[in-house]
Amino acid sequence: MMLFTIHLHVMPLKNLLDPQGKAVLSGLHNLGLQSVQDVRVGKRITLQIEAENSEAAVAIAKEAGEKLLANAVMEYFEIEID
């Protein structure tokens, strides 16, 4: 068994309004950063997974994302492995 570090990047679906992102964008514009055109706010979740190989670790992370860490109605996630 090996230990793998997996990062899940959970973001709001692209076609949904992101109120937190809009609030951050407004704040950046208030600071004079007019060149920022859009902001999407999500979360990064880091998992330490013990598995036989990287494919098994990614499969476990995918299951965690689908079953608990991301709300499929409002969010999507991407997996990154270190």
Protein backbone atom coordinates (compact mmCIF):
# COMPACT_ATOMS: atom_id res chain seq x y z
CA MET A 1 0.00 0.00 0.00
CA MET A 2 1.07 3.53 -0.77
CA LEU A 3 -0.11 6.91 0.48
CA PHE A 4 -1.42 9.33 -2.16
CA THR A 5 -2.32 12.99 -1.83
CA ILE A 6 -5.41 13.83 -3.85
CA HIS A 7 -6.89 17.31 -4.28
CA LEU A 8 -10.53 17.79 -5.21
CA HIS A 9 -11.35 21.17 -6.70
CA VAL A 10 -15.08 21.74 -6.16
CA MET A 11 -16.62 24.59 -8.14
CA PRO A 12 -20.13 25.89 -8.82
CA LEU A 13 -21.55 24.70 -12.13
CA LYS A 14 -20.67 27.15 -14.89
CA ASN A 15 -24.30 27.90 -15.77
CA LEU A 16 -25.28 28.74 -12.16
CA LEU A 17 -25.02 32.11 -10.49
CA ASP A 18 -22.14 32.29 -7.98
CA PRO A 19 -23.22 34.91 -5.40
CA GLN A 20 -19.97 34.62 -3.44
CA GLY A 21 -17.96 35.12 -6.62
CA LYS A 22 -20.06 38.18 -7.52
CA ALA A 23 -19.46 39.65 -4.04
CA VAL A 24 -15.69 39.12 -4.39
CA LEU A 25 -15.76 40.66 -7.88
CA SER A 26 -17.57 43.71 -6.51
CA GLY A 27 -15.01 44.05 -3.72
CA LEU A 28 -12.13 43.83 -6.18
CA HIS A 29 -13.72 46.51 -8.36
CA ASN A 30 -14.16 48.70 -5.25
CA LEU A 31 -10.40 48.33 -4.69
CA GLY A 32 -9.75 49.64 -8.19
CA LEU A 33 -9.02 46.27 -9.79
CA GLN A 34 -11.29 46.87 -12.77
CA SER A 35 -9.39 44.46 -15.03
CA VAL A 36 -10.80 41.46 -13.12
CA GLN A 37 -13.78 40.39 -15.23
CA ASP A 38 -15.19 37.38 -13.36
CA VAL A 39 -14.69 35.46 -10.12
CA ARG A 40 -15.86 31.95 -9.27
CA VAL A 41 -15.40 30.80 -5.66
CA GLY A 42 -15.02 27.13 -4.86
CA LYS A 43 -13.19 24.92 -2.42
CA ARG A 44 -10.13 22.71 -2.48
CA ILE A 45 -10.26 19.52 -0.45
CA THR A 46 -7.09 17.51 0.16
CA LEU A 47 -7.36 13.80 0.90
CA GLN A 48 -4.63 11.43 2.04
CA ILE A 49 -5.60 8.05 0.60
CA GLU A 50 -3.90 4.73 1.18
CA ALA A 51 -4.28 2.55 -1.89
CA GLU A 52 -2.51 -0.07 -4.01
CA ASN A 53 -1.87 2.37 -6.88
CA SER A 54 -2.75 5.84 -8.13
CA GLU A 55 -5.74 4.58 -10.15
CA ALA A 56 -7.30 3.06 -7.02
CA ALA A 57 -6.64 6.27 -5.06
CA VAL A 58 -8.31 8.37 -7.75
CA ALA A 59 -11.29 6.00 -7.80
CA ILE A 60 -11.70 6.43 -4.03
CA ALA A 61 -11.46 10.23 -4.35
CA LYS A 62 -14.02 10.18 -7.16
CA GLU A 63 -16.43 8.18 -5.02
CA ALA A 64 -15.92 10.62 -2.12
CA GLY A 65 -16.60 13.56 -4.42
CA GLU A 66 -19.73 12.01 -5.90
CA LYS A 67 -21.20 10.78 -2.61
CA LEU A 68 -20.28 13.55 -0.17
CA LEU A 69 -17.88 16.33 -1.13
CA ALA A 70 -19.70 17.91 -4.09
CA ASN A 71 -23.39 18.59 -4.60
CA ALA A 72 -24.01 17.35 -8.17
CA VAL A 73 -27.03 19.65 -8.51
CA MET A 74 -24.92 22.79 -8.00
CA GLU A 75 -21.24 21.81 -8.25
CA TYR A 76 -18.70 19.84 -10.24
CA PHE A 77 -15.29 18.65 -9.16
CA GLU A 78 -11.90 17.93 -10.68
CA ILE A 79 -9.30 15.58 -9.25
CA GLU A 80 -5.58 16.34 -9.04
CA ILE A 81 -3.05 13.85 -7.70
CA ASP A 82 0.36 14.79 -6.28
